[in-house]
Protein backbone atom coordinates (compact mmCIF):
# COMPACT_ATOMS: atom_id res chain seq x y z
CA MET A 1 -32.42 -49.28 5.71
CA THR A 2 -32.34 -49.99 2.00
CA ASN A 3 -29.26 -49.25 -0.50
CA SER A 4 -30.27 -45.68 -2.21
CA LYS A 5 -26.41 -45.52 -3.80
CA PRO A 6 -27.02 -47.21 -7.60
CA PRO A 7 -25.63 -50.20 -8.36
CA LEU A 8 -21.86 -50.11 -10.38
CA LYS A 9 -19.54 -53.09 -11.90
CA ILE A 10 -16.03 -51.88 -11.80
CA LEU A 11 -13.86 -54.14 -14.20
CA LEU A 12 -10.33 -53.94 -12.58
CA CYS A 13 -7.56 -54.66 -15.52
CA ALA A 14 -4.72 -57.35 -14.77
CA PRO A 15 -2.02 -56.96 -14.97
CA ARG A 16 -2.22 -52.57 -14.12
CA GLY A 17 0.85 -50.54 -12.30
CA PHE A 18 4.13 -51.02 -11.62
CA CYS A 19 6.39 -53.09 -13.82
CA ALA A 20 9.31 -54.51 -13.09
CA GLY A 21 11.95 -51.49 -14.65
CA VAL A 22 9.84 -49.26 -12.68
CA VAL A 23 9.99 -51.47 -9.20
CA ARG A 24 13.47 -51.53 -9.89
CA ALA A 25 13.68 -47.95 -10.04
CA ILE A 26 11.98 -47.17 -7.26
CA ASP A 27 14.59 -49.30 -4.91
CA VAL A 28 17.38 -47.75 -6.56
CA VAL A 29 16.24 -44.31 -5.54
CA GLU A 30 15.00 -45.80 -1.48
CA LYS A 31 17.70 -48.46 -1.15
CA ALA A 32 20.26 -45.92 -1.79
CA LEU A 33 18.69 -43.15 0.82
CA LYS A 34 18.81 -46.05 3.52
CA LEU A 35 22.38 -46.97 2.05
CA TYR A 36 24.21 -43.66 1.81
CA GLY A 37 21.21 -40.94 3.50
CA ALA A 38 19.58 -38.27 1.69
CA PRO A 39 20.29 -36.58 -0.28
CA VAL A 40 20.57 -38.99 -3.25
CA TYR A 41 20.18 -36.61 -6.20
CA VAL A 42 17.92 -37.80 -9.08
CA ARG A 43 18.49 -36.55 -12.95
CA HIS A 44 14.85 -36.06 -14.30
CA GLU A 45 11.90 -38.05 -12.52
CA ILE A 46 12.70 -41.55 -11.52
CA VAL A 47 9.28 -42.80 -13.27
CA HIS A 48 6.27 -40.16 -14.37
CA ASN A 49 4.24 -40.50 -11.86
CA LYS A 50 3.64 -37.58 -9.33
CA TYR A 51 2.71 -39.69 -6.45
CA VAL A 52 5.95 -41.64 -6.62
CA VAL A 53 8.00 -38.80 -6.70
CA GLU A 54 6.83 -36.52 -3.90
CA SER A 55 7.15 -39.61 -1.92
CA LEU A 56 10.22 -39.75 -2.67
CA LYS A 57 11.11 -36.01 -2.39
CA ARG A 58 10.08 -36.38 1.28
CA LYS A 59 12.83 -39.18 2.00
CA GLY A 60 15.37 -37.62 1.37
CA ALA A 61 15.28 -37.78 -2.98
CA VAL A 62 16.39 -34.14 -5.14
CA PHE A 63 15.22 -34.40 -8.22
CA VAL A 64 16.86 -32.13 -11.11
CA GLU A 65 16.59 -32.07 -14.52
CA GLU A 66 19.74 -30.98 -15.12
CA LEU A 67 23.71 -32.19 -13.69
CA ASP A 68 24.68 -28.69 -13.08
CA GLU A 69 21.95 -28.70 -10.63
CA VAL A 70 24.18 -31.21 -8.44
CA PRO A 71 26.44 -29.55 -6.70
CA ASP A 72 29.91 -29.60 -7.31
CA ASN A 73 32.29 -32.40 -5.08
CA THR A 74 28.72 -33.85 -3.28
CA GLN A 75 29.53 -37.23 -1.74
CA ALA A 76 25.74 -38.33 -2.83
CA PRO A 77 24.85 -40.62 -5.51
CA VAL A 78 23.64 -39.10 -8.64
CA ILE A 79 21.04 -41.48 -9.86
CA PHE A 80 19.76 -42.00 -13.90
CA SER A 81 16.02 -42.12 -14.63
CA ALA A 82 14.47 -45.18 -15.48
CA HIS A 83 14.29 -43.73 -18.87
CA GLY A 84 17.82 -43.70 -19.71
CA VAL A 85 19.84 -40.82 -20.97
CA ALA A 86 22.21 -39.93 -23.27
CA LYS A 87 25.45 -40.87 -23.37
CA THR A 88 26.73 -37.07 -22.77
CA ILE A 89 24.91 -37.70 -19.03
CA PRO A 90 27.13 -40.47 -17.43
CA ALA A 91 30.26 -38.69 -19.25
CA GLU A 92 29.88 -35.29 -17.58
CA ALA A 93 28.81 -37.07 -14.09
CA GLU A 94 31.83 -39.03 -14.68
CA ARG A 95 34.17 -36.08 -15.27
CA ARG A 96 32.35 -33.97 -11.87
CA ASN A 97 33.56 -37.68 -10.13
CA PHE A 98 30.13 -38.22 -8.99
CA GLN A 99 28.91 -42.07 -7.68
CA ILE A 100 26.57 -42.94 -10.41
CA LEU A 101 23.81 -45.41 -9.82
CA ASP A 102 22.02 -46.29 -13.36
CA ALA A 103 18.03 -46.87 -13.22
CA THR A 104 17.51 -47.09 -16.44
CA CYS A 105 14.91 -50.10 -17.30
CA PRO A 106 16.85 -52.98 -19.08
CA LEU A 107 14.22 -52.88 -22.01
CA VAL A 108 15.32 -49.48 -22.93
CA THR A 109 19.12 -50.61 -21.96
CA LYS A 110 18.52 -53.18 -24.89
CA VAL A 111 17.19 -50.61 -27.31
CA HIS A 112 20.16 -48.54 -26.98
CA ARG A 113 22.01 -51.10 -27.69
CA GLU A 114 20.48 -52.28 -30.41
CA ALA A 115 21.15 -48.76 -32.27
CA GLU A 116 24.60 -48.51 -31.38
CA ILE A 117 24.67 -52.34 -33.43
CA HIS A 118 23.20 -51.33 -36.40
CA PHE A 119 25.41 -47.89 -36.74
CA LYS A 120 28.47 -50.00 -36.04
CA ARG A 121 27.18 -52.27 -39.17
CA GLY A 122 26.71 -48.98 -41.31
CA LYS A 123 23.09 -48.55 -41.17
CA GLU A 124 20.83 -45.20 -40.69
CA ILE A 125 18.40 -45.98 -37.71
CA ILE A 126 15.35 -44.60 -37.63
CA LEU A 127 13.75 -45.03 -34.33
CA ILE A 128 9.89 -45.04 -33.74
CA GLY A 129 8.63 -41.89 -30.93
CA HIS A 130 7.12 -38.77 -29.50
CA ALA A 131 9.61 -36.23 -29.68
CA GLY A 132 10.93 -34.67 -26.59
CA HIS A 133 9.97 -38.17 -24.68
CA PRO A 134 13.19 -38.14 -22.28
CA GLU A 135 13.36 -41.99 -23.48
CA VAL A 136 13.77 -40.51 -27.02
CA VAL A 137 16.03 -38.46 -26.31
CA GLY A 138 18.24 -41.09 -24.10
CA THR A 139 18.22 -43.47 -27.48
CA ILE A 140 18.89 -40.83 -29.79
CA GLY A 141 22.14 -39.44 -27.32
CA GLN A 142 23.38 -42.65 -27.37
CA LEU A 143 24.79 -41.84 -31.20
CA PRO A 144 26.40 -39.09 -32.90
CA ASP A 145 23.80 -36.55 -33.98
CA GLY A 146 21.93 -37.38 -37.28
CA ALA A 147 22.71 -40.97 -36.66
CA VAL A 148 19.54 -41.97 -35.86
CA LYS A 149 16.23 -40.27 -37.32
CA LEU A 150 13.26 -39.84 -35.32
CA VAL A 151 9.40 -41.10 -37.37
CA GLN A 152 6.13 -40.37 -35.42
CA THR A 153 3.37 -40.75 -37.86
CA VAL A 154 2.82 -42.74 -41.36
CA GLU A 155 3.12 -39.33 -42.86
CA ASP A 156 6.86 -38.53 -41.22
CA VAL A 157 7.43 -42.31 -43.25
CA ASP A 158 5.61 -40.87 -46.74
CA ALA A 159 8.65 -38.29 -46.02
CA PHE A 160 11.41 -39.74 -45.11
CA VAL A 161 14.44 -39.82 -47.48
CA PRO A 162 17.15 -42.44 -46.45
CA ASN A 163 20.85 -41.90 -47.01
CA ASP A 164 20.88 -45.41 -48.43
CA PRO A 165 17.41 -47.17 -48.32
CA ASP A 166 19.38 -50.86 -48.04
CA LYS A 167 20.81 -50.15 -44.85
CA LEU A 168 18.48 -48.74 -42.76
CA ALA A 169 17.22 -50.00 -39.30
CA PHE A 170 14.64 -48.86 -36.98
CA VAL A 171 14.14 -49.45 -33.17
CA THR A 172 11.38 -48.16 -31.12
CA GLN A 173 10.27 -46.06 -28.23
CA THR A 174 9.05 -48.44 -25.49
CA THR A 175 6.11 -47.37 -24.09
CA LEU A 176 4.08 -46.92 -27.40
CA SER A 177 0.87 -47.62 -28.44
CA VAL A 178 0.93 -51.72 -30.07
CA GLU A 179 -1.48 -50.99 -33.10
CA GLU A 180 -0.40 -46.83 -33.73
CA THR A 181 3.40 -48.04 -33.77
CA SER A 182 2.22 -51.63 -36.13
CA GLY A 183 0.96 -48.85 -38.90
CA ILE A 184 4.15 -47.04 -38.83
CA ILE A 185 6.31 -49.95 -38.96
CA GLU A 186 3.71 -51.49 -41.89
CA ALA A 187 4.91 -48.24 -43.80
CA LEU A 188 8.17 -48.72 -42.85
CA LYS A 189 7.91 -52.29 -44.64
CA ARG A 190 6.23 -51.28 -47.32
CA LYS A 191 8.69 -48.29 -48.68
CA PHE A 192 11.94 -50.07 -47.34
CA PRO A 193 11.74 -53.72 -47.99
CA ASN A 194 14.91 -54.20 -46.74
CA ILE A 195 14.72 -52.56 -43.33
CA THR A 196 16.23 -54.53 -40.60
CA VAL A 197 13.32 -54.76 -37.92
CA PRO A 198 14.39 -55.72 -34.00
CA HIS A 199 14.85 -59.19 -33.43
CA LYS A 200 12.56 -58.90 -30.44
CA GLU A 201 9.40 -56.16 -30.05
CA ASP A 202 10.75 -53.13 -28.87
CA ILE A 203 7.65 -52.16 -27.00
CA CYS A 204 8.11 -53.37 -23.39
CA TYR A 205 5.91 -56.32 -22.26
CA ALA A 206 4.40 -54.54 -19.90
CA THR A 207 2.88 -51.52 -21.81
CA THR A 208 1.90 -54.65 -24.58
CA ASN A 209 0.01 -56.80 -21.51
CA ARG A 210 -1.50 -53.13 -19.93
CA GLN A 211 -2.86 -52.80 -23.49
CA GLU A 212 -4.38 -55.61 -23.82
CA ALA A 213 -6.30 -55.72 -20.65
CA VAL A 214 -7.56 -53.18 -21.44
CA LYS A 215 -8.55 -54.07 -25.22
CA GLN A 216 -10.35 -57.27 -23.42
CA ILE A 217 -12.86 -55.38 -21.49
CA ALA A 218 -13.30 -51.86 -22.83
CA HIS A 219 -16.10 -52.71 -25.02
CA GLN A 220 -17.85 -53.92 -22.05
CA CYS A 221 -17.27 -50.67 -20.22
CA ASP A 222 -19.38 -47.22 -20.44
CA ALA A 223 -16.49 -45.42 -18.95
CA PHE A 224 -13.02 -46.10 -18.16
CA ILE A 225 -10.38 -44.35 -15.70
CA THR A 226 -6.49 -44.69 -16.57
CA VAL A 227 -4.75 -43.85 -13.49
CA GLY A 228 -1.32 -42.46 -14.30
CA SER A 229 0.29 -39.01 -15.18
CA PRO A 230 -0.11 -37.08 -17.63
CA ASN A 231 3.61 -37.03 -18.78
CA SER A 232 3.36 -40.79 -18.19
CA SER A 233 3.28 -42.37 -22.09
CA ASN A 234 2.42 -45.89 -21.45
CA SER A 235 -0.99 -43.87 -19.13
CA GLN A 236 -2.15 -41.88 -22.06
CA ARG A 237 -1.84 -44.77 -24.33
CA LEU A 238 -4.21 -47.23 -22.22
CA ARG A 239 -6.87 -43.75 -22.15
CA GLU A 240 -6.61 -43.76 -26.12
CA VAL A 241 -6.76 -47.48 -26.43
CA ALA A 242 -10.00 -47.12 -24.96
CA GLU A 243 -11.27 -44.31 -26.26
CA GLN A 244 -10.14 -46.35 -29.56
CA ARG A 245 -12.30 -48.97 -28.80
CA GLY A 246 -15.49 -47.43 -28.11
CA VAL A 247 -15.75 -46.20 -24.52
CA LYS A 248 -17.15 -42.72 -24.48
CA VAL A 249 -15.71 -41.59 -21.19
CA SER A 250 -11.59 -42.74 -20.79
CA ARG A 251 -9.85 -40.28 -18.73
CA LEU A 252 -6.39 -40.62 -17.35
CA VAL A 253 -6.30 -39.05 -13.95
CA ASP A 254 -3.29 -38.79 -11.36
CA GLY A 255 -5.66 -39.67 -8.57
CA ALA A 256 -9.49 -39.61 -7.24
CA HIS A 257 -9.09 -36.02 -6.73
CA GLN A 258 -9.12 -35.55 -10.74
CA ILE A 259 -12.33 -36.91 -10.98
CA ASP A 260 -14.92 -35.06 -12.89
CA TRP A 261 -17.84 -36.74 -11.58
CA SER A 262 -20.18 -35.08 -13.60
CA GLU A 263 -18.66 -37.19 -16.20
CA PHE A 264 -19.21 -39.93 -14.20
CA GLN A 265 -23.12 -40.32 -13.38
CA HIS A 266 -25.86 -42.86 -14.57
CA ILE A 267 -22.79 -45.48 -15.50
CA GLU A 268 -23.33 -48.83 -15.02
CA THR A 269 -19.98 -50.88 -15.60
CA LEU A 270 -16.27 -49.09 -14.77
CA GLY A 271 -13.22 -50.15 -16.78
CA ILE A 272 -10.81 -49.59 -14.38
CA SER A 273 -6.79 -49.82 -15.45
CA ALA A 274 -3.19 -47.98 -14.15
CA GLY A 275 0.09 -46.94 -16.02
CA ALA A 276 3.08 -48.88 -15.89
CA SER A 277 4.55 -46.16 -13.05
CA ALA A 278 1.63 -45.47 -11.47
CA PRO A 279 1.29 -47.16 -7.29
CA GLU A 280 -1.75 -49.45 -6.42
CA VAL A 281 -2.81 -47.08 -3.65
CA LEU A 282 -4.05 -44.31 -6.19
CA VAL A 283 -5.94 -47.64 -7.82
CA GLU A 284 -7.54 -47.99 -4.60
CA GLN A 285 -8.08 -44.58 -3.28
CA ILE A 286 -9.85 -44.12 -6.51
CA ILE A 287 -12.46 -47.73 -6.21
CA ASP A 288 -13.34 -46.27 -2.63
CA ALA A 289 -14.05 -42.34 -3.96
CA PHE A 290 -16.70 -44.42 -6.58
CA ALA A 291 -17.73 -46.85 -3.57
CA GLU A 292 -18.97 -43.56 -1.73
CA ARG A 293 -21.39 -42.87 -4.48
CA TYR A 294 -22.30 -46.14 -5.77
CA ASP A 295 -22.95 -49.96 -4.45
CA VAL A 296 -19.53 -50.84 -6.10
CA GLU A 297 -19.07 -54.69 -7.19
CA VAL A 298 -15.17 -55.38 -8.40
CA GLU A 299 -14.08 -57.80 -11.07
CA THR A 300 -10.55 -58.58 -12.02
CA VAL A 301 -10.37 -59.39 -15.67
CA ALA A 302 -6.67 -60.83 -15.91
CA ALA A 303 -5.29 -60.80 -19.58
CA VAL A 304 -1.76 -62.21 -18.64
CA GLU A 305 -0.02 -63.23 -15.57
CA GLU A 306 3.49 -61.38 -14.98
CA ASN A 307 6.28 -62.19 -13.51
CA MET A 308 9.21 -60.43 -14.80
CA PHE A 309 12.50 -59.19 -12.39
CA PHE A 310 15.28 -56.88 -12.86
CA PRO A 311 18.26 -56.65 -10.63
CA LEU A 312 19.41 -54.04 -9.03
CA PRO A 313 22.29 -52.31 -10.11
CA ARG A 314 25.61 -53.73 -8.78
CA PRO A 315 26.93 -51.56 -6.17
CA LEU A 316 23.42 -51.77 -4.45
CA ARG A 317 23.37 -55.29 -4.76
CA GLY A 318 23.74 -57.76 -1.70
CA MET A 319 23.70 -55.04 0.45
CA ASN A 320 21.40 -55.34 3.60
CA VAL A 321 20.04 -52.16 3.56
CA ASP A 322 16.26 -53.14 4.10
CA ALA A 323 16.90 -53.21 7.80
CA ALA A 324 19.25 -49.44 7.97
C-alpha cells in the first residue's frame, strides 16, 4: 500500500523551549509543593505558558494576581514569578509575615541592580520595553516614581526630553527582539552620545539564541510555528522574527489544538521553534499532528549549544525533596 500523505520537511530550531530561568522558576514551585505541601501561592503566572500554569495548578499551586488574594496567617509560602516584582510587593509580603520564595530570573535581577546603581549615581534611567509587561512593571518598581522612563519605539526616543542629557542610562527588558531593540539603542546613542550603556547585553542569552535559530532556517520555510502563549513576550518575538525574514505564514500557538489547518496546506517545509516558557511536550504534539497529515521528515538545526544553570533560592537548596 502506497503512502498517500504528501511529504513535509520539518526544520526544528535548537535551542528552543525552556531556558534556565524558566526551569528554575518551575522547579521552585514544584520543590515548594513537595517540601511544604499544597497549597503554595504564586503571584502572577510563574512563567507565561498556559500548559505549565495549568499543570502546576493541578499539583496544588494557587495563582493570584495580587497579595490581597492570599489569606492572612497562612503558613504556605508565597512565590514571586520569574518576571520579577516591584519592591512594594516583597515589602507587603514581609509586613504580612509571609514566607517568600523569589523565583525571579537572575538575568532580570541583573537589570534591577543595574537600574539601582544608575539611580544612585544620579542618572535618569530609560527602560526599553513593552508597557504593562510584568517584567517592565517590576523593573520600574525598583525605584521611586518617575526615576525610570519607558521607551517602546524610535519615535518615543525622538520625543523624549531628559532632565539632563549628560546624566542618562538605559536598561532593557530581557525578552525583546534583538533587531527591534538595536534600532532603539542606536537612536538613543545618536541623540544622547553620553548615555551610559549596559556593561553586558540586557536581552537574555535564551532570547538571543532562540531568535538566531529562527533566523538560520526562516529563509527555507514555507510556514513557521512558534509554540508559546500569546502573553509570552519572547514567544511573540520569535513569531515576528520568522515573519520579518519573509515567512508568509508565521503563527504563534499554545498547542496543536490551535493550528488552523487551512493555513498549512500545500507546504513543503515547516519551521518550528518554542518560546523560553514552552515545554517540549507541546512541540512533540505539534509534530505528531503534522505527521497525521504529512509524511514527515524532521531535521534539527542548531544555532548554539546552551548549558546555562541557575541555582534555586537558598531556602530550597540542598533539600532532598525529590524523594518526598
